[in-house]
Protein backbone atom coordinates (compact mmCIF):
# COMPACT_ATOMS: atom_id res chain seq x y z
CA MET A 1 -0.21 0.08 -0.13
CA GLN A 2 2.57 2.23 0.90
CA ASN A 3 4.29 1.48 -2.71
CA ILE A 4 1.41 2.60 -4.57
CA ARG A 5 1.24 5.90 -2.05
CA SER A 6 4.79 6.73 -3.03
CA LEU A 7 4.14 5.83 -6.76
CA LEU A 8 0.70 8.53 -6.73
CA PHE A 9 2.71 11.20 -4.72
CA ASN A 10 5.67 10.89 -6.75
CA PHE A 11 3.80 11.17 -10.35
CA PHE A 12 1.82 14.17 -8.65
CA LEU A 13 4.73 15.91 -7.62
CA TYR A 14 6.53 16.14 -11.29
CA PHE A 15 3.94 16.37 -13.03
CA GLY A 16 2.82 19.54 -10.95
CA ILE A 17 6.39 20.74 -11.54
CA ILE A 18 6.57 19.88 -14.77
CA LEU A 19 3.51 21.49 -15.43
CA VAL A 20 3.53 24.96 -13.27
CA PHE A 21 7.12 25.37 -15.04
CA LEU A 22 5.45 25.00 -18.48
CA ILE A 23 2.91 27.57 -17.73
CA ALA A 24 5.49 30.07 -15.77
CA ILE A 25 7.68 30.35 -18.87
CA PRO A 26 6.12 33.83 -19.43
CA ALA A 27 6.93 35.13 -16.08
CA LEU A 28 10.71 34.74 -17.63
CA ILE A 29 10.28 38.08 -19.00
CA LEU A 30 8.34 39.63 -16.29
CA PRO A 31 9.15 41.32 -13.22
CA SER A 32 10.49 38.54 -10.73
CA LYS A 33 7.82 39.33 -8.08
CA VAL A 34 6.00 37.00 -10.62
CA THR A 35 8.44 34.01 -10.61
CA LEU A 36 8.46 34.21 -6.89
CA ILE A 37 4.96 33.89 -7.08
CA PHE A 38 4.96 30.07 -9.15
CA GLY A 39 7.39 28.98 -6.28
CA LYS A 40 4.76 29.99 -3.58
CA ILE A 41 1.54 27.93 -5.62
CA LEU A 42 4.60 25.23 -6.09
CA ALA A 43 5.36 24.97 -2.21
CA TYR A 44 1.64 25.16 -1.48
CA TYR A 45 1.00 22.17 -3.91
CA ILE A 46 3.53 20.60 -2.33
CA ILE A 47 1.75 20.52 0.93
CA PHE A 48 -1.65 19.40 -0.84
CA ILE A 49 -0.34 16.53 -1.95
CA LEU A 50 1.35 15.06 1.00
CA ARG A 51 -1.80 15.51 2.76
CA ILE A 52 -3.65 13.54 -0.17
CA PHE A 53 -1.46 10.85 -0.99
CA LEU A 54 0.62 9.97 1.93
CA GLY A 55 -1.58 11.02 4.61
CA THR A 56 1.22 13.37 5.82
CA LYS A 57 0.59 16.79 7.69
CA VAL A 58 2.90 19.87 6.94
CA ILE A 59 3.13 21.47 11.14
CA PHE A 60 4.67 24.61 10.92
CA ASN A 61 5.92 25.66 14.71
CA GLY A 62 7.52 29.59 15.81
CA LEU A 63 5.73 31.08 12.63
CA GLU A 64 5.92 33.75 15.06
CA ASN A 65 9.49 34.28 15.02
CA LEU A 66 9.50 35.34 11.19
CA LYS A 67 7.79 38.70 12.53
CA LYS A 68 10.28 39.76 15.32
CA ASN A 69 12.82 41.51 12.90
CA LYS A 70 12.59 42.93 9.74
CA ARG A 71 15.92 42.18 8.43
CA PHE A 72 16.82 38.54 8.86
CA PHE A 73 18.74 35.61 7.26
CA LEU A 74 17.12 32.08 7.71
CA ALA A 75 19.38 28.81 8.38
CA SER A 76 17.78 25.28 7.87
CA ALA A 77 18.45 21.98 8.22
CA HIS A 78 18.57 19.85 4.77
CA GLN A 79 17.20 16.69 4.39
CA SER A 80 15.54 16.34 1.59
CA MET A 81 14.01 18.05 -1.82
CA PHE A 82 11.13 18.62 0.34
CA GLU A 83 12.58 22.19 2.20
CA THR A 84 13.64 23.86 -1.15
CA PHE A 85 9.90 23.84 -2.30
CA VAL A 86 7.87 24.09 1.26
CA LEU A 87 9.56 26.84 2.97
CA GLN A 88 8.61 28.60 0.22
CA ALA A 89 5.14 28.79 1.71
CA PRO A 90 5.51 30.78 5.13
CA VAL A 91 9.03 32.30 4.00
CA ASP A 92 8.23 35.48 1.91
CA PHE A 93 10.33 34.89 -1.58
CA PRO A 94 13.70 34.01 0.00
CA ILE A 95 16.95 34.24 -1.55
CA PHE A 96 18.60 30.75 -2.36
CA ILE A 97 22.41 30.03 -2.33
CA LEU A 98 23.01 27.19 -4.66
CA LYS A 99 25.68 25.21 -6.01
CA LYS A 100 26.66 26.56 -9.57
CA GLU A 101 25.62 23.47 -11.58
CA LEU A 102 21.54 24.22 -10.53
CA LEU A 103 22.11 26.71 -12.80
CA LYS A 104 23.01 25.07 -15.72
CA ILE A 105 19.68 23.13 -16.14
CA PRO A 106 17.75 24.43 -18.80
CA LEU A 107 14.24 26.31 -17.37
CA PHE A 108 14.27 25.24 -13.86
CA GLY A 109 17.79 26.95 -13.76
CA TRP A 110 16.23 30.03 -16.00
CA TYR A 111 14.04 30.42 -13.46
CA LEU A 112 16.50 30.15 -10.10
CA ARG A 113 18.53 32.97 -11.91
CA LYS A 114 15.19 35.01 -12.54
CA ILE A 115 14.59 35.14 -8.52
CA GLY A 116 17.78 36.53 -7.87
CA SER A 117 19.56 33.18 -6.83
CA ILE A 118 23.35 33.44 -5.80
CA GLU A 119 25.50 30.52 -7.17
CA ILE A 120 28.64 29.62 -5.49
CA ILE A 121 31.49 26.95 -6.62
CA ARG A 122 31.54 24.25 -3.88
CA ASN A 123 34.94 22.81 -2.38
CA THR A 124 37.00 25.55 -4.32
CA THR A 125 38.83 28.90 -4.11
CA THR A 126 37.79 30.49 -7.22
CA LYS A 127 37.75 34.26 -8.47
CA GLU A 128 34.24 34.23 -8.24
CA ASN A 129 33.91 31.96 -4.94
CA LEU A 130 36.54 35.11 -3.01
CA GLY A 131 33.88 37.90 -3.65
CA PHE A 132 31.06 35.34 -2.34
CA PHE A 133 30.59 36.95 0.88
CA ASP A 134 30.30 40.22 -0.49
CA LYS A 135 27.95 39.38 -3.09
CA VAL A 136 26.00 38.34 -0.32
CA LYS A 137 25.73 41.25 2.00
CA LYS A 138 25.01 43.23 -1.21
CA THR A 139 22.01 41.30 -2.74
CA LEU A 140 21.00 41.61 0.52
CA GLU A 141 20.91 45.36 0.93
CA THR A 142 19.58 45.70 -2.77
CA ASN A 143 16.86 43.63 -1.90
CA ASN A 144 13.63 43.32 0.78
CA ARG A 145 13.62 39.38 0.97
CA PRO A 146 15.45 36.94 3.69
CA LEU A 147 18.14 34.75 2.43
CA LEU A 148 17.67 31.22 3.09
CA ILE A 149 20.87 28.72 3.52
CA PHE A 150 21.76 25.53 4.17
CA PRO A 151 24.32 25.42 6.70
CA GLN A 152 24.92 21.21 6.18
CA GLY A 153 26.28 22.24 2.55
CA THR A 154 24.19 19.21 0.68
CA ARG A 155 20.81 17.09 1.99
CA LEU A 156 21.73 14.47 5.14
CA PRO A 157 20.11 11.57 7.15
CA VAL A 158 17.71 12.93 9.55
CA GLU A 159 19.93 11.79 11.93
CA ASP A 160 23.40 12.65 10.68
CA ARG A 161 24.87 15.22 12.93
CA SER A 162 28.03 16.57 10.51
CA PRO A 163 29.44 19.95 11.63
CA PHE A 164 27.83 22.73 9.76
CA LYS A 165 29.92 24.05 7.54
CA LYS A 166 32.22 27.41 8.08
CA GLY A 167 30.79 29.31 5.59
CA VAL A 168 27.66 30.21 7.48
CA GLY A 169 29.46 31.84 10.04
CA ARG A 170 31.21 33.90 7.49
CA ILE A 171 28.04 35.15 5.89
CA TYR A 172 26.44 36.06 9.63
CA GLU A 173 29.45 38.26 10.05
CA ALA A 174 29.06 39.89 6.79
CA LEU A 175 25.81 40.58 7.20
CA ASN A 176 25.45 41.36 10.54
CA MET A 177 21.44 40.67 11.01
CA PRO A 178 19.34 37.88 12.98
CA CYS A 179 19.35 35.13 11.74
CA VAL A 180 16.21 32.66 12.17
CA PRO A 181 17.17 28.79 12.48
CA ILE A 182 14.78 26.45 11.17
CA ALA A 183 14.72 22.41 11.98
CA LEU A 184 13.06 19.89 10.56
CA ASN A 185 12.45 16.30 9.98
CA SER A 186 11.45 15.92 6.33
CA GLY A 187 13.78 13.03 5.73
CA LYS A 188 11.68 10.65 8.13
CA VAL A 189 8.93 10.94 5.22
CA TRP A 190 11.00 11.83 2.14
CA PRO A 191 14.08 10.53 2.11
CA LYS A 192 17.19 12.57 0.12
CA THR A 193 16.89 9.02 -2.43
CA GLY A 194 14.84 6.26 -2.94
CA PHE A 195 11.55 5.80 -4.62
CA LYS A 196 9.70 5.37 -1.43
CA LYS A 197 8.32 7.47 1.16
CA PHE A 198 7.31 6.68 4.26
CA PRO A 199 4.17 7.54 7.09
CA GLY A 200 4.64 10.36 9.09
CA ASN A 201 3.81 14.20 10.06
CA ILE A 202 6.96 16.76 8.91
CA HIS A 203 7.53 19.31 11.61
CA VAL A 204 9.19 22.56 10.63
CA SER A 205 10.07 24.71 13.48
CA PHE A 206 11.43 28.22 12.87
CA LEU A 207 13.31 28.90 16.10
CA GLU A 208 14.02 32.13 18.62
CA PRO A 209 16.69 34.14 16.37
CA ILE A 210 20.30 34.02 17.32
CA GLU A 211 20.94 37.79 17.49
CA PRO A 212 24.04 39.52 15.78
CA GLY A 213 27.15 39.54 18.31
CA LEU A 214 28.72 36.42 18.33
CA ASN A 215 32.07 36.02 16.33
CA LYS A 216 31.37 33.36 13.79
CA GLU A 217 32.69 30.37 15.76
CA GLU A 218 29.81 31.04 18.34
CA PHE A 219 27.37 31.61 16.25
CA THR A 220 27.93 28.40 13.87
CA LYS A 221 28.25 26.08 17.49
CA THR A 222 25.23 28.16 18.30
CA LEU A 223 23.04 27.44 15.56
CA GLU A 224 24.44 23.80 14.76
CA ASN A 225 23.33 22.98 18.57
CA LYS A 226 19.55 24.93 18.21
CA ILE A 227 18.70 22.91 15.06
CA TYR A 228 19.86 19.67 16.32
CA SER A 229 18.48 19.96 19.44
CA GLU A 230 15.33 20.49 18.21
CA ILE A 231 15.34 17.44 16.08
CA ASN A 232 16.03 15.18 18.72
CA ASN A 233 12.92 16.56 20.12
CA PHE A 234 10.79 15.84 17.16
CA ASN A 235 12.16 11.86 17.44
C-alpha cells in the first residue's frame, strides 16, 4: 500500500513541477515577483499532495519568529527536496544560495536566475568565490527579501549530526543581522534518495532568532546546537 501511495505522490509531484514550470515560462520576461509567486504556488501544491497521497501533515511551528525582525536571514537543516520547495510557503520570497551547476539545468536554472539566486562553486577557491560574501551582503542590501541557506552544505539523513560548514559563520558576520534557525524532520517521510516515501508528519520549526554580535565560531556552534536539539525533540 505504501508503494502505491509513493507512486502516486511521485507522479503528481513531478507532473505538478513540470506543469508549473511550463505555465510560468512567460514569467521569465516579466518582473521577478511573478516567478516568485509561482514558487509559492508550487510550495502549497506540494503540501497538498503530501496530505492527499501520503496522509502527511506539514506542521509549521514558531512562525512568530519570522516577524520579530524586519531584516533577517534563515539557516535550515537540509534532509530532502521538500524544504527547497515548501519553505517558500511560510517564508516570503527567500533568496537561495545554491551550487552553480543547478543554474545550468534548462528551464529550472533559468527560473533560479530570474529570482536572484546566488551561486557558489563548492569545495573550490575561485575568483568568483573570493567575492562571494561581499556579493551576498550587497544582494541583501538591495533586496527586501530574506536569505535562506542550508549550512549542512548538502542533504543529510535525519539522524546525521555532522558539523555545519564554516561559511555560515562568515555569512552571519558579513550580514550583521539576526538569523532564524530552521529545524525539520522531512527526511523521515521524504528521504534524500529512493522512490519510497514513509508515513508520518513533517515538522518544521522556526526557532528563536540568534542576534548579531557573536563571533563566527560561536554563532556556528550555537546554530548547530539549536537545530540539532530541536530535531532530537521531533524523534
